[in-house]
């Protein structure tokens, strides 16, 4: 009996399904896979390698370009940082030089001065009574150009209606002249003194203000006389060993040099250096007695 169309279609589908199953079974067979690999590898490997290489080359080229740009930026930043460091170093050195020049100029303006610590004067009543030591306190208008603690901002000594300011100035001057004559062995006259006054106000134990124990600044008209007084300051050692009020004579140092001198004296007390002194407004030290004097201009100069 002839097969119908539907029957033939069913048989074709069955054969197709069987064929597909056979193909699947063949493809998943390990031997088939190995055989296909041997055949396809020589053909596909160059193409795969070329494709992968192309992708990597593109990525690497982009990365290399970014790295090159970063290197360029880094180099430019290094140049700018170097320039900034050079500028900072130069400005720092210029600042140091300016500070030194300013300090030297300020020291020069104080070159004619000495600071007397512990100088005691007589009371206004004693001075007004007319008594005087060596050199005399004088009377009348006082010494021209000599200032006291009551001077105004213009540097001119003021005086009250009773002349107390001039009296105090004359008393202070007389005390200094007595000190020079009696304990230093240096003859100093009124004409050698340009100005004399105390610094600040001292508050005593009772709370009352007094100028008796504050430092005294003396400006000389003659630098030779000033240097003679300063050189004779060692004569005060005997006086200070017996006196109730010790007297010291120092140079009128700038604030910066005063701090350096204070540090140097601390190093002497700590026995880290042998000597410390000031000369013409500048601080010097000796680490050892056999060493040459070392000039101290800043903290970095200390050992």
C-alpha atoms as a PDB file:
ATOM      1  CA  UNK A   1       0.000   0.000   0.000  1.00  0.00           C
ATOM      2  CA  UNK A   2       1.550   3.358  -1.001  1.00  0.00           C
ATOM      3  CA  UNK A   3       2.685   5.696   1.824  1.00  0.00           C
ATOM      4  CA  UNK A   4       0.733   8.846   2.325  1.00  0.00           C
ATOM      5  CA  UNK A   5       2.256  12.298   2.423  1.00  0.00           C
ATOM      6  CA  UNK A   6       1.773  12.573   6.190  1.00  0.00           C
ATOM      7  CA  UNK A   7       3.525   9.284   6.718  1.00  0.00           C
ATOM      8  CA  UNK A   8       6.511  10.379   4.649  1.00  0.00           C
ATOM      9  CA  UNK A   9       6.786  13.651   6.582  1.00  0.00           C
ATOM     10  CA  UNK A  10       6.806  11.786   9.883  1.00  0.00           C
ATOM     11  CA  UNK A  11       9.550   9.514   8.681  1.00  0.00           C
ATOM     12  CA  UNK A  12      11.642  12.491   7.496  1.00  0.00           C
ATOM     13  CA  UNK A  13      11.281  14.183  10.876  1.00  0.00           C
ATOM     14  CA  UNK A  14      12.313  11.011  12.625  1.00  0.00           C
ATOM     15  CA  UNK A  15      15.386  10.644  10.455  1.00  0.00           C
ATOM     16  CA  UNK A  16      16.291  14.314  10.984  1.00  0.00           C
ATOM     17  CA  UNK A  17      15.994  13.930  14.726  1.00  0.00           C
ATOM     18  CA  UNK A  18      18.113  10.814  14.672  1.00  0.00           C
ATOM     19  CA  UNK A  19      20.685  12.590  12.553  1.00  0.00           C
ATOM     20  CA  UNK A  20      20.824  15.498  14.984  1.00  0.00           C
ATOM     21  CA  UNK A  21      21.237  13.125  17.872  1.00  0.00           C
ATOM     22  CA  UNK A  22      24.039  11.377  16.062  1.00  0.00           C
ATOM     23  CA  UNK A  23      25.757  14.683  15.334  1.00  0.00           C
ATOM     24  CA  UNK A  24      25.446  15.775  18.960  1.00  0.00           C
ATOM     25  CA  UNK A  25      26.758  12.453  20.140  1.00  0.00           C
ATOM     26  CA  UNK A  26      29.620  12.694  17.695  1.00  0.00           C
ATOM     27  CA  UNK A  27      30.486  16.297  18.646  1.00  0.00           C
ATOM     28  CA  UNK A  28      30.594  15.538  22.346  1.00  0.00           C
ATOM     29  CA  UNK A  29      32.712  12.511  21.759  1.00  0.00           C
ATOM     30  CA  UNK A  30      36.191  13.136  23.103  1.00  0.00           C
ATOM     31  CA  UNK A  31      37.882  11.641  20.089  1.00  0.00           C
ATOM     32  CA  UNK A  32      35.891  13.874  17.764  1.00  0.00           C
ATOM     33  CA  UNK A  33      36.795  16.917  19.772  1.00  0.00           C
ATOM     34  CA  UNK A  34      40.474  16.034  19.715  1.00  0.00           C
ATOM     35  CA  UNK A  35      40.314  15.425  15.955  1.00  0.00           C
ATOM     36  CA  UNK A  36      38.581  18.773  15.338  1.00  0.00           C
ATOM     37  CA  UNK A  37      41.132  20.531  17.514  1.00  0.00           C
ATOM     38  CA  UNK A  38      43.996  19.104  15.524  1.00  0.00           C
ATOM     39  CA  UNK A  39      42.380  20.217  12.275  1.00  0.00           C
ATOM     40  CA  UNK A  40      41.118  23.677  13.370  1.00  0.00           C
ATOM     41  CA  UNK A  41      43.975  24.842  15.595  1.00  0.00           C
ATOM     42  CA  UNK A  42      46.457  25.507  12.766  1.00  0.00           C
ATOM     43  CA  UNK A  43      43.746  27.406  10.904  1.00  0.00           C
ATOM     44  CA  UNK A  44      42.220  29.426  13.752  1.00  0.00           C
ATOM     45  CA  UNK A  45      45.280  30.161  15.920  1.00  0.00           C
ATOM     46  CA  UNK A  46      46.803  32.844  13.661  1.00  0.00           C
ATOM     47  CA  UNK A  47      43.462  34.628  13.315  1.00  0.00           C
ATOM     48  CA  UNK A  48      42.776  34.529  17.062  1.00  0.00           C
ATOM     49  CA  UNK A  49      46.298  35.629  17.846  1.00  0.00           C
ATOM     50  CA  UNK A  50      46.075  38.521  15.371  1.00  0.00           C
ATOM     51  CA  UNK A  51      42.737  39.650  16.798  1.00  0.00           C
ATOM     52  CA  UNK A  52      43.946  39.472  20.407  1.00  0.00           C
ATOM     53  CA  UNK A  53      47.210  41.200  19.530  1.00  0.00           C
ATOM     54  CA  UNK A  54      45.364  44.014  17.792  1.00  0.00           C
ATOM     55  CA  UNK A  55      43.131  44.580  20.811  1.00  0.00           C
ATOM     56  CA  UNK A  56      46.071  44.550  23.223  1.00  0.00           C
ATOM     57  CA  UNK A  57      48.124  46.828  20.988  1.00  0.00           C
ATOM     58  CA  UNK A  58      45.307  49.378  20.932  1.00  0.00           C
ATOM     59  CA  UNK A  59      44.934  49.239  24.711  1.00  0.00           C
ATOM     60  CA  UNK A  60      48.689  49.391  25.280  1.00  0.00           C
ATOM     61  CA  UNK A  61      49.031  52.335  22.894  1.00  0.00           C
ATOM     62  CA  UNK A  62      46.348  54.224  24.830  1.00  0.00           C
ATOM     63  CA  UNK A  63      48.018  53.395  28.138  1.00  0.00           C
ATOM     64  CA  UNK A  64      51.444  54.376  26.767  1.00  0.00           C
ATOM     65  CA  UNK A  65      50.006  57.702  25.603  1.00  0.00           C
ATOM     66  CA  UNK A  66      48.518  58.369  29.046  1.00  0.00           C
ATOM     67  CA  UNK A  67      51.800  57.441  30.738  1.00  0.00           C
ATOM     68  CA  UNK A  68      53.730  59.757  28.415  1.00  0.00           C
ATOM     69  CA  UNK A  69      51.377  62.619  29.252  1.00  0.00           C
ATOM     70  CA  UNK A  70      51.755  61.885  32.966  1.00  0.00           C
ATOM     71  CA  UNK A  71      55.541  61.861  32.599  1.00  0.00           C
ATOM     72  CA  UNK A  72      55.411  65.208  30.826  1.00  0.00           C
ATOM     73  CA  UNK A  73      53.189  66.670  33.540  1.00  0.00           C
ATOM     74  CA  UNK A  74      55.417  65.189  36.229  1.00  0.00           C
ATOM     75  CA  UNK A  75      58.529  66.678  34.628  1.00  0.00           C
ATOM     76  CA  UNK A  76      56.835  70.074  34.385  1.00  0.00           C
ATOM     77  CA  UNK A  77      55.809  69.848  38.057  1.00  0.00           C
ATOM     78  CA  UNK A  78      59.336  68.870  39.047  1.00  0.00           C
ATOM     79  CA  UNK A  79      60.685  71.931  37.238  1.00  0.00           C
ATOM     80  CA  UNK A  80      58.149  74.163  38.976  1.00  0.00           C
ATOM     81  CA  UNK A  81      58.904  72.617  42.380  1.00  0.00           C
ATOM     82  CA  UNK A  82      62.642  73.063  41.806  1.00  0.00           C
ATOM     83  CA  UNK A  83      62.117  76.683  40.807  1.00  0.00           C
ATOM     84  CA  UNK A  84      59.932  77.228  43.882  1.00  0.00           C
ATOM     85  CA  UNK A  85      62.561  75.645  46.139  1.00  0.00           C
ATOM     86  CA  UNK A  86      65.269  77.835  44.643  1.00  0.00           C
ATOM     87  CA  UNK A  87      63.060  80.900  45.100  1.00  0.00           C
ATOM     88  CA  UNK A  88      62.243  79.962  48.704  1.00  0.00           C
ATOM     89  CA  UNK A  89      65.915  79.353  49.496  1.00  0.00           C
ATOM     90  CA  UNK A  90      66.872  82.643  47.879  1.00  0.00           C
ATOM     91  CA  UNK A  91      64.143  84.540  49.736  1.00  0.00           C
ATOM     92  CA  UNK A  92      65.091  82.858  53.007  1.00  0.00           C
ATOM     93  CA  UNK A  93      68.732  83.839  52.543  1.00  0.00           C
ATOM     94  CA  UNK A  94      67.680  87.342  51.553  1.00  0.00           C
ATOM     95  CA  UNK A  95      65.524  87.527  54.687  1.00  0.00           C
ATOM     96  CA  UNK A  96      68.466  86.387  56.827  1.00  0.00           C
ATOM     97  CA  UNK A  97      70.723  88.960  55.189  1.00  0.00           C
ATOM     98  CA  UNK A  98      68.155  91.711  55.755  1.00  0.00           C
ATOM     99  CA  UNK A  99      67.717  90.696  59.387  1.00  0.00           C
ATOM    100  CA  UNK A 100      71.475  90.769  59.886  1.00  0.00           C
ATOM    101  CA  UNK A 101      71.820  94.137  58.182  1.00  0.00           C
ATOM    102  CA  UNK A 102      68.944  95.503  60.267  1.00  0.00           C
ATOM    103  CA  UNK A 103      70.502  94.094  63.434  1.00  0.00           C
ATOM    104  CA  UNK A 104      73.892  95.548  62.508  1.00  0.00           C
ATOM    105  CA  UNK A 105      72.307  98.941  61.816  1.00  0.00           C
ATOM    106  CA  UNK A 106      70.416  98.825  65.109  1.00  0.00           C
ATOM    107  CA  UNK A 107      73.592  97.775  66.908  1.00  0.00           C
ATOM    108  CA  UNK A 108      75.413 100.708  65.345  1.00  0.00           C
ATOM    109  CA  UNK A 109      72.772 103.129  66.624  1.00  0.00           C
ATOM    110  CA  UNK A 110      73.335 101.701  70.134  1.00  0.00           C
ATOM    111  CA  UNK A 111      77.107 101.654  69.845  1.00  0.00           C
ATOM    112  CA  UNK A 112      77.491 104.773  72.002  1.00  0.00           C
ATOM    113  CA  UNK A 113      75.256 103.402  74.788  1.00  0.00           C
ATOM    114  CA  UNK A 114      75.848 101.409  77.943  1.00  0.00           C
ATOM    115  CA  UNK A 115      73.279  99.819  80.254  1.00  0.00           C
ATOM    116  CA  UNK A 116      73.885 100.154  83.987  1.00  0.00           C
ATOM    117  CA  UNK A 117      72.059  97.677  86.230  1.00  0.00           C
ATOM    118  CA  UNK A 118      71.733  98.286  89.968  1.00  0.00           C
ATOM    119  CA  UNK A 119      72.592 101.986  89.959  1.00  0.00           C
ATOM    120  CA  UNK A 120      70.962 103.562  93.027  1.00  0.00           C
ATOM    121  CA  UNK A 121      70.263 107.294  93.161  1.00  0.00           C
ATOM    122  CA  UNK A 122      69.466 109.596  95.995  1.00  0.00           C
ATOM    123  CA  UNK A 123      65.913 110.737  96.679  1.00  0.00           C
ATOM    124  CA  UNK A 124      64.568 113.926  95.158  1.00  0.00           C
ATOM    125  CA  UNK A 125      64.741 115.605  98.563  1.00  0.00           C
ATOM    126  CA  UNK A 126      68.426 114.708  98.953  1.00  0.00           C
ATOM    127  CA  UNK A 127      69.201 115.968  95.459  1.00  0.00           C
ATOM    128  CA  UNK A 128      67.273 119.191  96.002  1.00  0.00           C
ATOM    129  CA  UNK A 129      69.216 119.861  99.208  1.00  0.00           C
ATOM    130  CA  UNK A 130      72.258 120.696  97.073  1.00  0.00           C
ATOM    131  CA  UNK A 131      74.526 117.835  98.142  1.00  0.00           C
ATOM    132  CA  UNK A 132      76.612 116.203  95.421  1.00  0.00           C
ATOM    133  CA  UNK A 133      79.205 113.543  94.960  1.00  0.00           C
ATOM    134  CA  UNK A 134      82.077 113.645  92.519  1.00  0.00           C
ATOM    135  CA  UNK A 135      81.097 115.725  89.548  1.00  0.00           C
ATOM    136  CA  UNK A 136      78.213 117.320  91.484  1.00  0.00           C
ATOM    137  CA  UNK A 137      74.582 117.249  90.558  1.00  0.00           C
ATOM    138  CA  UNK A 138      74.474 120.917  89.752  1.00  0.00           C
ATOM    139  CA  UNK A 139      71.418 123.138  89.842  1.00  0.00           C
ATOM    140  CA  UNK A 140      69.266 125.241  87.605  1.00  0.00           C
ATOM    141  CA  UNK A 141      68.140 123.849  84.257  1.00  0.00           C
ATOM    142  CA  UNK A 142      70.350 120.735  84.437  1.00  0.00           C
ATOM    143  CA  UNK A 143      72.429 119.213  81.671  1.00  0.00           C
ATOM    144  CA  UNK A 144      71.293 119.905  78.090  1.00  0.00           C
ATOM    145  CA  UNK A 145      70.451 116.769  76.166  1.00  0.00           C
ATOM    146  CA  UNK A 146      70.273 114.534  79.253  1.00  0.00           C
ATOM    147  CA  UNK A 147      67.005 112.593  79.412  1.00  0.00           C
ATOM    148  CA  UNK A 148      65.282 110.735  82.222  1.00  0.00           C
ATOM    149  CA  UNK A 149      62.483 108.191  82.509  1.00  0.00           C
ATOM    150  CA  UNK A 150      59.941 110.968  82.034  1.00  0.00           C
ATOM    151  CA  UNK A 151      61.001 111.801  78.471  1.00  0.00           C
ATOM    152  CA  UNK A 152      58.306 112.004  75.818  1.00  0.00           C
ATOM    153  CA  UNK A 153      58.200 110.238  72.448  1.00  0.00           C
ATOM    154  CA  UNK A 154      60.324 112.956  70.856  1.00  0.00           C
ATOM    155  CA  UNK A 155      63.184 112.141  73.204  1.00  0.00           C
ATOM    156  CA  UNK A 156      63.018 115.453  75.090  1.00  0.00           C
ATOM    157  CA  UNK A 157      63.034 115.278  78.873  1.00  0.00           C
ATOM    158  CA  UNK A 158      59.975 116.788  80.443  1.00  0.00           C
ATOM    159  CA  UNK A 159      59.797 118.374  83.862  1.00  0.00           C
ATOM    160  CA  UNK A 160      57.039 119.269  86.235  1.00  0.00           C
ATOM    161  CA  UNK A 161      56.340 122.683  87.683  1.00  0.00           C
ATOM    162  CA  UNK A 162      58.606 121.891  90.609  1.00  0.00           C
ATOM    163  CA  UNK A 163      61.467 120.728  88.337  1.00  0.00           C
ATOM    164  CA  UNK A 164      61.347 117.195  89.778  1.00  0.00           C
ATOM    165  CA  UNK A 165      62.189 115.572  86.431  1.00  0.00           C
ATOM    166  CA  UNK A 166      65.379 117.620  86.013  1.00  0.00           C
ATOM    167  CA  UNK A 167      66.222 116.935  89.652  1.00  0.00           C
ATOM    168  CA  UNK A 168      65.898 113.209  89.105  1.00  0.00           C
ATOM    169  CA  UNK A 169      67.997 113.405  85.924  1.00  0.00           C
ATOM    170  CA  UNK A 170      70.758 115.297  87.689  1.00  0.00           C
ATOM    171  CA  UNK A 171      70.659 112.836  90.580  1.00  0.00           C
ATOM    172  CA  UNK A 172      70.948 109.932  88.150  1.00  0.00           C
ATOM    173  CA  UNK A 173      73.833 111.579  86.335  1.00  0.00           C
ATOM    174  CA  UNK A 174      75.630 112.331  89.602  1.00  0.00           C
ATOM    175  CA  UNK A 175      75.266 108.711  90.708  1.00  0.00           C
ATOM    176  CA  UNK A 176      76.786 107.515  87.446  1.00  0.00           C
ATOM    177  CA  UNK A 177      79.666 109.978  87.610  1.00  0.00           C
ATOM    178  CA  UNK A 178      80.338 108.879  91.204  1.00  0.00           C
ATOM    179  CA  UNK A 179      80.369 105.249  90.063  1.00  0.00           C
ATOM    180  CA  UNK A 180      82.894 105.979  87.309  1.00  0.00           C
ATOM    181  CA  UNK A 181      85.183 107.958  89.600  1.00  0.00           C
ATOM    182  CA  UNK A 182      84.998 105.906  92.802  1.00  0.00           C
ATOM    183  CA  UNK A 183      84.757 102.329  91.505  1.00  0.00           C
ATOM    184  CA  UNK A 184      85.878 102.279  87.876  1.00  0.00           C
ATOM    185  CA  UNK A 185      88.779 104.712  88.093  1.00  0.00           C
ATOM    186  CA  UNK A 186      87.609 106.459  84.917  1.00  0.00           C
ATOM    187  CA  UNK A 187      87.215 110.218  84.826  1.00  0.00           C
ATOM    188  CA  UNK A 188      83.913 111.023  83.115  1.00  0.00           C
ATOM    189  CA  UNK A 189      82.559 114.558  82.906  1.00  0.00           C
ATOM    190  CA  UNK A 190      79.089 115.889  82.195  1.00  0.00           C
ATOM    191  CA  UNK A 191      80.139 116.826  78.680  1.00  0.00           C
ATOM    192  CA  UNK A 192      80.882 113.139  77.965  1.00  0.00           C
ATOM    193  CA  UNK A 193      77.217 112.239  78.548  1.00  0.00           C
ATOM    194  CA  UNK A 194      74.638 112.900  75.856  1.00  0.00           C
ATOM    195  CA  UNK A 195      71.634 111.305  77.550  1.00  0.00           C
ATOM    196  CA  UNK A 196      70.804 109.262  80.627  1.00  0.00           C
ATOM    197  CA  UNK A 197      67.504 107.732  81.712  1.00  0.00           C
ATOM    198  CA  UNK A 198      65.978 104.679  83.291  1.00  0.00           C
ATOM    199  CA  UNK A 199      64.085 101.965  81.428  1.00  0.00           C
ATOM    200  CA  UNK A 200      60.563 101.204  82.611  1.00  0.00           C
ATOM    201  CA  UNK A 201      59.076 101.295  86.081  1.00  0.00           C
ATOM    202  CA  UNK A 202      59.917  98.875  88.889  1.00  0.00           C
ATOM    203  CA  UNK A 203      57.162  97.767  91.257  1.00  0.00           C
ATOM    204  CA  UNK A 204      58.505  97.222  94.746  1.00  0.00           C
ATOM    205  CA  UNK A 205      57.275  94.731  97.387  1.00  0.00           C
ATOM    206  CA  UNK A 206      54.729  97.241  98.678  1.00  0.00           C
ATOM    207  CA  UNK A 207      53.262  97.622  95.201  1.00  0.00           C
ATOM    208  CA  UNK A 208      54.421 101.221  94.921  1.00  0.00           C
ATOM    209  CA  UNK A 209      56.138 102.135  91.672  1.00  0.00           C
ATOM    210  CA  UNK A 210      59.773 103.120  91.829  1.00  0.00           C
ATOM    211  CA  UNK A 211      62.573 103.813  89.340  1.00  0.00           C
ATOM    212  CA  UNK A 212      65.334 103.036  91.796  1.00  0.00           C
ATOM    213  CA  UNK A 213      66.066  99.469  90.643  1.00  0.00           C
ATOM    214  CA  UNK A 214      65.397  99.662  86.918  1.00  0.00           C
ATOM    215  CA  UNK A 215      68.286  99.605  84.391  1.00  0.00           C
ATOM    216  CA  UNK A 216      69.821 102.895  83.292  1.00  0.00           C
ATOM    217  CA  UNK A 217      70.796 103.708  79.700  1.00  0.00           C
ATOM    218  CA  UNK A 218      73.714 106.084  79.258  1.00  0.00           C
ATOM    219  CA  UNK A 219      74.533 107.593  75.851  1.00  0.00           C
ATOM    220  CA  UNK A 220      78.036 109.010  75.519  1.00  0.00           C
ATOM    221  CA  UNK A 221      79.220 111.841  73.322  1.00  0.00           C
ATOM    222  CA  UNK A 222      82.640 110.189  73.069  1.00  0.00           C
ATOM    223  CA  UNK A 223      82.958 106.576  72.000  1.00  0.00           C
ATOM    224  CA  UNK A 224      86.447 106.412  73.505  1.00  0.00           C
ATOM    225  CA  UNK A 225      85.064 107.370  76.908  1.00  0.00           C
ATOM    226  CA  UNK A 226      82.259 104.846  76.507  1.00  0.00           C
ATOM    227  CA  UNK A 227      84.763 102.103  75.673  1.00  0.00           C
ATOM    228  CA  UNK A 228      86.927 103.073  78.655  1.00  0.00           C
ATOM    229  CA  UNK A 229      83.965 102.744  81.007  1.00  0.00           C
ATOM    230  CA  UNK A 230      82.986  99.405  79.514  1.00  0.00           C
ATOM    231  CA  UNK A 231      86.558  98.089  79.701  1.00  0.00           C
ATOM    232  CA  UNK A 232      86.743  99.085  83.396  1.00  0.00           C
ATOM    233  CA  UNK A 233      83.601  97.132  84.315  1.00  0.00           C
ATOM    234  CA  UNK A 234      85.731  94.296  85.743  1.00  0.00           C
ATOM    235  CA  UNK A 235      86.697  96.691  88.535  1.00  0.00           C
ATOM    236  CA  UNK A 236      83.176  96.282  89.908  1.00  0.00           C
ATOM    237  CA  UNK A 237      83.895  92.720  91.042  1.00  0.00           C
ATOM    238  CA  UNK A 238      85.406  93.934  94.315  1.00  0.00           C
ATOM    239  CA  UNK A 239      82.594  96.461  94.782  1.00  0.00           C
ATOM    240  CA  UNK A 240      79.913  93.830  94.120  1.00  0.00           C
ATOM    241  CA  UNK A 241      81.456  91.373  96.570  1.00  0.00           C
ATOM    242  CA  UNK A 242      80.892  93.829  99.431  1.00  0.00           C
ATOM    243  CA  UNK A 243      77.937  95.930  98.309  1.00  0.00           C
ATOM    244  CA  UNK A 244      74.325  95.207  99.148  1.00  0.00           C
ATOM    245  CA  UNK A 245      73.259  96.414  95.697  1.00  0.00           C
ATOM    246  CA  UNK A 246      75.411  94.974  92.944  1.00  0.00           C
ATOM    247  CA  UNK A 247      76.128  97.052  89.866  1.00  0.00           C
ATOM    248  CA  UNK A 248      76.681  95.651  86.382  1.00  0.00           C
ATOM    249  CA  UNK A 249      77.645  97.391  83.146  1.00  0.00           C
ATOM    250  CA  UNK A 250      76.506  95.869  79.864  1.00  0.00           C
ATOM    251  CA  UNK A 251      76.397  96.910  76.261  1.00  0.00           C
ATOM    252  CA  UNK A 252      73.042  98.125  74.929  1.00  0.00           C
ATOM    253  CA  UNK A 253      72.301  95.059  72.786  1.00  0.00           C
ATOM    254  CA  UNK A 254      69.488  94.730  70.295  1.00  0.00           C
ATOM    255  CA  UNK A 255      66.635  92.412  71.267  1.00  0.00           C
ATOM    256  CA  UNK A 256      67.971  89.732  68.929  1.00  0.00           C
ATOM    257  CA  UNK A 257      71.540  89.937  70.232  1.00  0.00           C
ATOM    258  CA  UNK A 258      70.273  90.098  73.816  1.00  0.00           C
ATOM    259  CA  UNK A 259      68.508  86.768  73.274  1.00  0.00           C
ATOM    260  CA  UNK A 260      71.652  85.304  71.702  1.00  0.00           C
ATOM    261  CA  UNK A 261      73.732  86.550  74.639  1.00  0.00           C
ATOM    262  CA  UNK A 262      71.264  85.062  77.107  1.00  0.00           C
ATOM    263  CA  UNK A 263      71.498  81.718  75.339  1.00  0.00           C
ATOM    264  CA  UNK A 264      75.302  81.928  75.281  1.00  0.00           C
ATOM    265  CA  UNK A 265      75.464  82.588  79.028  1.00  0.00           C
ATOM    266  CA  UNK A 266      73.166  79.620  79.559  1.00  0.00           C
ATOM    267  CA  UNK A 267      75.597  77.451  77.614  1.00  0.00           C
ATOM    268  CA  UNK A 268      78.441  78.740  79.805  1.00  0.00           C
ATOM    269  CA  UNK A 269      76.509  77.839  82.944  1.00  0.00           C
ATOM    270  CA  UNK A 270      75.802  74.408  81.468  1.00  0.00           C
ATOM    271  CA  UNK A 271      79.560  74.089  80.777  1.00  0.00           C
ATOM    272  CA  UNK A 272      78.969  73.457  77.092  1.00  0.00           C
ATOM    273  CA  UNK A 273      81.156  76.432  76.151  1.00  0.00           C
ATOM    274  CA  UNK A 274      83.913  78.209  78.040  1.00  0.00           C
ATOM    275  CA  UNK A 275      83.213  81.909  77.536  1.00  0.00           C
ATOM    276  CA  UNK A 276      80.589  84.312  76.224  1.00  0.00           C
ATOM    277  CA  UNK A 277      80.814  88.072  75.904  1.00  0.00           C
ATOM    278  CA  UNK A 278      79.703  90.990  73.770  1.00  0.00           C
ATOM    279  CA  UNK A 279      81.934  93.449  71.942  1.00  0.00           C
ATOM    280  CA  UNK A 280      80.693  96.481  70.033  1.00  0.00           C
ATOM    281  CA  UNK A 281      77.149  95.137  70.177  1.00  0.00           C
ATOM    282  CA  UNK A 282      78.004  91.663  68.820  1.00  0.00           C
ATOM    283  CA  UNK A 283      78.011  88.382  70.767  1.00  0.00           C
ATOM    284  CA  UNK A 284      81.126  86.188  70.823  1.00  0.00           C
ATOM    285  CA  UNK A 285      81.846  82.801  72.375  1.00  0.00           C
ATOM    286  CA  UNK A 286      84.704  80.392  72.933  1.00  0.00           C
ATOM    287  CA  UNK A 287      83.958  76.677  73.064  1.00  0.00           C
ATOM    288  CA  UNK A 288      87.456  76.005  74.423  1.00  0.00           C
ATOM    289  CA  UNK A 289      89.996  78.402  75.887  1.00  0.00           C
ATOM    290  CA  UNK A 290      92.334  77.613  73.001  1.00  0.00           C
ATOM    291  CA  UNK A 291      89.686  78.335  70.355  1.00  0.00           C
ATOM    292  CA  UNK A 292      89.540  81.658  68.497  1.00  0.00           C
ATOM    293  CA  UNK A 293      86.516  83.838  69.295  1.00  0.00           C
ATOM    294  CA  UNK A 294      83.436  82.858  67.303  1.00  0.00           C
ATOM    295  CA  UNK A 295      80.964  85.528  66.218  1.00  0.00           C
ATOM    296  CA  UNK A 296      77.323  84.666  66.934  1.00  0.00           C
ATOM    297  CA  UNK A 297      74.808  86.254  64.583  1.00  0.00           C
ATOM    298  CA  UNK A 298      71.982  83.712  64.802  1.00  0.00           C
ATOM    299  CA  UNK A 299      70.987  80.503  66.599  1.00  0.00           C
ATOM    300  CA  UNK A 300      72.572  78.397  63.869  1.00  0.00           C
ATOM    301  CA  UNK A 301      75.998  79.774  64.820  1.00  0.00           C
ATOM    302  CA  UNK A 302      75.930  78.021  68.213  1.00  0.00           C
ATOM    303  CA  UNK A 303      77.752  74.693  68.474  1.00  0.00           C
END
